[in-house]
């Protein structure tokens, strides 16, 4: 029996499949400067959360090389895409809009 599939059927089958990453520990490469990303400010709940976040920026494969700016002792300005990564690591913080997105 010969089945005829149109382009829509093939795309539908591809997009509804579950794909797993080949290497889940693969390092994310952050490129460019902080100004190249949309940004959020994250203010840490405790000093311990801040220290853990800074440790991760230097040692965690998903966060090494993350462009950031230290707004004050308790706040980091980071790419918006990194906020869920910090949450996934169990760090507690509040998220704020960055007023100047230049």
N, C-alpha and C. Protein backbone atom coordinates (compact mmCIF):
# COMPACT_ATOMS: atom_id res chain seq x y z
N UNK A 1 0.83 -1.16 0.00
CA UNK A 1 0.00 0.00 0.00
C UNK A 1 0.89 1.25 0.00
N UNK A 2 0.63 2.17 -0.85
CA UNK A 2 1.38 3.41 -0.96
C UNK A 2 0.58 4.53 -0.30
N UNK A 3 1.24 5.23 0.63
CA UNK A 3 0.58 6.36 1.30
C UNK A 3 1.11 7.64 0.69
N UNK A 4 0.24 8.57 0.49
CA UNK A 4 0.63 9.87 -0.01
C UNK A 4 0.48 10.89 1.12
N UNK A 5 1.57 11.51 1.48
CA UNK A 5 1.55 12.53 2.51
C UNK A 5 1.87 13.88 1.89
N UNK A 6 1.12 14.84 2.27
CA UNK A 6 1.48 16.17 1.77
C UNK A 6 2.44 16.82 2.77
N UNK A 7 2.94 17.97 2.40
CA UNK A 7 3.93 18.68 3.21
C UNK A 7 3.41 18.95 4.63
N UNK A 8 2.14 19.29 4.77
CA UNK A 8 1.56 19.59 6.07
C UNK A 8 1.62 18.38 7.00
N UNK A 9 1.33 17.19 6.48
CA UNK A 9 1.37 15.98 7.30
C UNK A 9 2.77 15.71 7.83
N UNK A 10 3.78 15.92 7.01
CA UNK A 10 5.16 15.66 7.42
C UNK A 10 5.57 16.65 8.51
N UNK A 11 5.28 17.91 8.31
CA UNK A 11 5.64 18.92 9.30
C UNK A 11 4.92 18.66 10.61
N UNK A 12 3.65 18.28 10.53
CA UNK A 12 2.88 17.98 11.72
C UNK A 12 3.51 16.82 12.49
N UNK A 13 3.92 15.79 11.80
CA UNK A 13 4.54 14.64 12.47
C UNK A 13 5.86 15.02 13.11
N UNK A 14 6.64 15.86 12.46
CA UNK A 14 7.93 16.27 13.00
C UNK A 14 7.74 17.14 14.23
N UNK A 15 6.84 18.10 14.18
CA UNK A 15 6.69 19.04 15.30
C UNK A 15 5.99 18.42 16.49
N UNK A 16 5.27 17.33 16.32
CA UNK A 16 4.59 16.73 17.46
C UNK A 16 5.43 15.63 18.10
N UNK A 17 6.57 15.30 17.51
CA UNK A 17 7.45 14.30 18.09
C UNK A 17 8.20 14.89 19.28
N UNK A 18 8.63 14.01 20.17
CA UNK A 18 9.43 14.46 21.31
C UNK A 18 10.90 14.24 20.98
N UNK A 19 11.66 15.31 21.06
CA UNK A 19 13.09 15.22 20.81
C UNK A 19 13.83 15.43 22.12
N UNK A 20 14.81 14.59 22.39
CA UNK A 20 15.65 14.76 23.56
C UNK A 20 16.99 15.30 23.10
N UNK A 21 17.62 16.16 23.89
CA UNK A 21 18.93 16.66 23.50
C UNK A 21 19.93 15.51 23.46
N UNK A 22 20.85 15.56 22.51
CA UNK A 22 21.86 14.53 22.41
C UNK A 22 22.78 14.56 23.61
N UNK A 23 23.10 15.75 24.09
CA UNK A 23 23.98 15.90 25.23
C UNK A 23 23.35 16.89 26.20
N UNK A 24 22.62 16.41 27.21
CA UNK A 24 21.93 17.32 28.11
C UNK A 24 22.87 18.21 28.93
N UNK A 25 24.13 17.87 29.05
CA UNK A 25 25.08 18.67 29.81
C UNK A 25 25.85 19.63 28.90
N UNK A 26 25.43 19.76 27.67
CA UNK A 26 26.12 20.63 26.73
C UNK A 26 26.10 22.07 27.23
N UNK A 27 27.25 22.69 27.13
CA UNK A 27 27.41 24.06 27.59
C UNK A 27 26.67 25.03 26.66
N UNK A 28 25.94 25.97 27.25
CA UNK A 28 25.30 27.04 26.48
C UNK A 28 26.38 28.08 26.22
N UNK A 29 26.45 28.58 25.01
CA UNK A 29 27.43 29.60 24.69
C UNK A 29 26.72 30.95 24.65
N UNK A 30 27.03 31.80 25.62
CA UNK A 30 26.50 33.15 25.66
C UNK A 30 27.41 34.01 24.81
N UNK A 31 26.85 34.67 23.83
CA UNK A 31 27.68 35.46 22.92
C UNK A 31 27.40 36.94 23.08
N UNK A 32 28.42 37.70 22.86
CA UNK A 32 28.25 39.15 22.84
C UNK A 32 28.14 39.76 24.22
N UNK A 33 27.73 40.99 24.21
CA UNK A 33 27.60 41.76 25.43
C UNK A 33 26.18 41.71 25.97
N UNK A 34 26.03 42.14 27.18
CA UNK A 34 24.71 42.16 27.82
C UNK A 34 23.72 43.00 27.03
N UNK A 35 24.21 44.07 26.41
CA UNK A 35 23.35 44.95 25.62
C UNK A 35 22.75 44.29 24.39
N UNK A 36 23.25 43.12 24.02
CA UNK A 36 22.72 42.40 22.86
C UNK A 36 21.48 41.57 23.21
N UNK A 37 21.13 41.51 24.48
CA UNK A 37 20.00 40.69 24.95
C UNK A 37 18.93 41.59 25.56
N UNK A 38 17.68 41.08 25.59
CA UNK A 38 16.69 41.72 26.44
C UNK A 38 17.08 41.36 27.87
N UNK A 39 16.89 42.29 28.81
CA UNK A 39 17.45 42.10 30.14
C UNK A 39 16.39 42.16 31.24
N UNK A 40 16.71 41.49 32.32
CA UNK A 40 15.92 41.56 33.55
C UNK A 40 16.89 41.76 34.71
N UNK A 41 16.39 42.42 35.76
CA UNK A 41 17.17 42.56 36.99
C UNK A 41 16.64 41.52 37.97
N UNK A 42 17.55 40.78 38.57
CA UNK A 42 17.14 39.81 39.58
C UNK A 42 17.76 40.24 40.92
N UNK A 43 16.88 40.40 41.91
CA UNK A 43 17.30 40.80 43.26
C UNK A 43 17.16 39.59 44.16
N UNK A 44 18.26 39.19 44.74
CA UNK A 44 18.31 37.95 45.53
C UNK A 44 17.67 38.12 46.89
N UNK A 45 17.02 37.05 47.35
CA UNK A 45 16.32 37.06 48.63
C UNK A 45 17.29 37.07 49.80
N UNK A 46 18.42 36.38 49.64
CA UNK A 46 19.40 36.29 50.72
C UNK A 46 20.82 36.42 50.15
N UNK A 47 21.74 36.70 51.04
CA UNK A 47 23.15 36.75 50.63
C UNK A 47 23.59 35.39 50.10
N UNK A 48 23.10 34.34 50.73
CA UNK A 48 23.46 32.99 50.30
C UNK A 48 23.00 32.72 48.85
N UNK A 49 21.78 33.16 48.50
CA UNK A 49 21.29 33.00 47.12
C UNK A 49 22.17 33.77 46.14
N UNK A 50 22.58 34.98 46.53
CA UNK A 50 23.46 35.77 45.67
C UNK A 50 24.79 35.06 45.46
N UNK A 51 25.37 34.54 46.53
CA UNK A 51 26.66 33.85 46.42
C UNK A 51 26.54 32.58 45.58
N UNK A 52 25.44 31.87 45.73
CA UNK A 52 25.22 30.66 44.94
C UNK A 52 25.10 31.01 43.45
N UNK A 53 24.37 32.09 43.16
CA UNK A 53 24.21 32.53 41.76
C UNK A 53 25.56 32.91 41.16
N UNK A 54 26.35 33.64 41.89
CA UNK A 54 27.67 34.04 41.38
C UNK A 54 28.58 32.82 41.19
N UNK A 55 28.47 31.86 42.08
CA UNK A 55 29.24 30.62 41.91
C UNK A 55 28.82 29.90 40.62
N UNK A 56 27.52 29.84 40.37
CA UNK A 56 27.02 29.18 39.17
C UNK A 56 27.49 29.87 37.89
N UNK A 57 27.56 31.19 37.92
CA UNK A 57 28.01 31.94 36.74
C UNK A 57 29.44 31.55 36.36
N UNK A 58 30.21 31.16 37.34
CA UNK A 58 31.60 30.78 37.08
C UNK A 58 31.78 29.28 36.83
N UNK A 59 30.84 28.44 37.31
CA UNK A 59 31.08 27.00 37.28
C UNK A 59 30.01 26.14 36.61
N UNK A 60 28.80 26.62 36.45
CA UNK A 60 27.72 25.81 35.86
C UNK A 60 27.77 25.89 34.34
N UNK A 61 27.76 24.74 33.64
CA UNK A 61 27.86 24.75 32.18
C UNK A 61 26.80 25.59 31.47
N UNK A 62 25.60 25.72 32.05
CA UNK A 62 24.55 26.52 31.43
C UNK A 62 24.74 28.02 31.63
N UNK A 63 25.55 28.40 32.61
CA UNK A 63 25.65 29.81 32.96
C UNK A 63 27.06 30.41 32.81
N UNK A 64 28.06 29.57 32.58
CA UNK A 64 29.42 30.09 32.41
C UNK A 64 29.46 31.06 31.24
N UNK A 65 30.06 32.21 31.47
CA UNK A 65 30.17 33.21 30.41
C UNK A 65 28.95 34.11 30.27
N UNK A 66 27.99 33.96 31.17
CA UNK A 66 26.77 34.76 31.12
C UNK A 66 27.12 36.24 31.23
N UNK A 67 26.73 37.06 30.25
CA UNK A 67 26.96 38.50 30.40
C UNK A 67 26.05 39.04 31.50
N UNK A 68 26.61 39.89 32.35
CA UNK A 68 25.83 40.40 33.49
C UNK A 68 26.41 41.72 33.95
N UNK A 69 25.62 42.40 34.72
CA UNK A 69 26.05 43.65 35.33
C UNK A 69 25.60 43.63 36.78
N UNK A 70 26.48 44.03 37.67
CA UNK A 70 26.17 44.07 39.09
C UNK A 70 25.57 45.44 39.40
N UNK A 71 24.26 45.48 39.57
CA UNK A 71 23.57 46.75 39.79
C UNK A 71 23.82 47.28 41.20
N UNK A 72 23.82 46.41 42.17
CA UNK A 72 24.18 46.74 43.55
C UNK A 72 24.55 45.43 44.22
N UNK A 73 24.71 45.43 45.51
CA UNK A 73 25.15 44.23 46.20
C UNK A 73 24.20 43.05 46.12
N UNK A 74 22.92 43.31 45.91
CA UNK A 74 21.92 42.24 45.90
C UNK A 74 21.27 42.00 44.54
N UNK A 75 21.66 42.75 43.52
CA UNK A 75 20.95 42.70 42.24
C UNK A 75 21.92 42.49 41.08
N UNK A 76 21.54 41.58 40.19
CA UNK A 76 22.27 41.36 38.94
C UNK A 76 21.34 41.68 37.78
N UNK A 77 21.88 42.29 36.75
CA UNK A 77 21.15 42.47 35.49
C UNK A 77 21.67 41.39 34.56
N UNK A 78 20.76 40.56 34.05
CA UNK A 78 21.13 39.39 33.25
C UNK A 78 20.23 39.30 32.01
N UNK A 79 20.63 38.52 31.01
CA UNK A 79 19.73 38.28 29.89
C UNK A 79 18.43 37.62 30.38
N UNK A 80 17.32 38.04 29.83
CA UNK A 80 16.02 37.47 30.22
C UNK A 80 15.98 35.96 30.09
N UNK A 81 16.67 35.43 29.09
CA UNK A 81 16.66 33.99 28.85
C UNK A 81 17.30 33.20 29.99
N UNK A 82 18.11 33.86 30.81
CA UNK A 82 18.80 33.14 31.89
C UNK A 82 17.97 33.04 33.16
N UNK A 83 16.92 33.82 33.29
CA UNK A 83 16.12 33.83 34.52
C UNK A 83 15.59 32.43 34.86
N UNK A 84 15.00 31.68 33.90
CA UNK A 84 14.54 30.33 34.25
C UNK A 84 15.67 29.39 34.66
N UNK A 85 16.87 29.61 34.14
CA UNK A 85 18.00 28.77 34.52
C UNK A 85 18.35 28.96 35.99
N UNK A 86 18.35 30.21 36.45
CA UNK A 86 18.61 30.47 37.87
C UNK A 86 17.51 29.86 38.74
N UNK A 87 16.26 29.97 38.30
CA UNK A 87 15.14 29.38 39.07
C UNK A 87 15.29 27.86 39.15
N UNK A 88 15.67 27.25 38.03
CA UNK A 88 15.83 25.79 37.97
C UNK A 88 16.91 25.32 38.95
N UNK A 89 17.87 26.19 39.23
CA UNK A 89 18.96 25.83 40.15
C UNK A 89 18.57 26.04 41.61
N UNK A 90 17.34 26.51 41.86
CA UNK A 90 16.85 26.64 43.22
C UNK A 90 17.18 27.96 43.90
N UNK A 91 17.61 28.93 43.13
CA UNK A 91 17.94 30.23 43.70
C UNK A 91 16.66 31.06 43.85
N UNK A 92 16.54 31.74 44.97
CA UNK A 92 15.34 32.56 45.23
C UNK A 92 15.68 34.03 44.96
N UNK A 93 14.80 34.67 44.17
CA UNK A 93 14.99 36.07 43.82
C UNK A 93 13.70 36.64 43.27
N UNK A 94 13.66 37.96 43.17
CA UNK A 94 12.54 38.66 42.52
C UNK A 94 13.05 39.21 41.21
N UNK A 95 12.16 39.26 40.22
CA UNK A 95 12.53 39.75 38.90
C UNK A 95 11.93 41.14 38.69
N UNK A 96 12.75 42.04 38.14
CA UNK A 96 12.32 43.40 37.87
C UNK A 96 12.63 43.75 36.42
N UNK A 97 11.84 44.65 35.88
CA UNK A 97 12.10 45.17 34.55
C UNK A 97 13.32 46.06 34.59
N UNK A 98 14.07 46.06 33.50
CA UNK A 98 15.17 46.99 33.36
C UNK A 98 14.63 48.17 32.56
N UNK A 99 14.71 49.34 33.13
CA UNK A 99 14.09 50.51 32.49
C UNK A 99 14.75 50.90 31.18
N UNK A 100 16.07 50.90 31.13
CA UNK A 100 16.78 51.33 29.94
C UNK A 100 17.28 50.11 29.18
N UNK A 101 16.64 49.78 28.07
CA UNK A 101 17.01 48.58 27.30
C UNK A 101 17.89 48.93 26.10
N UNK A 102 18.70 49.95 26.19
CA UNK A 102 19.56 50.35 25.07
C UNK A 102 20.72 49.42 24.90
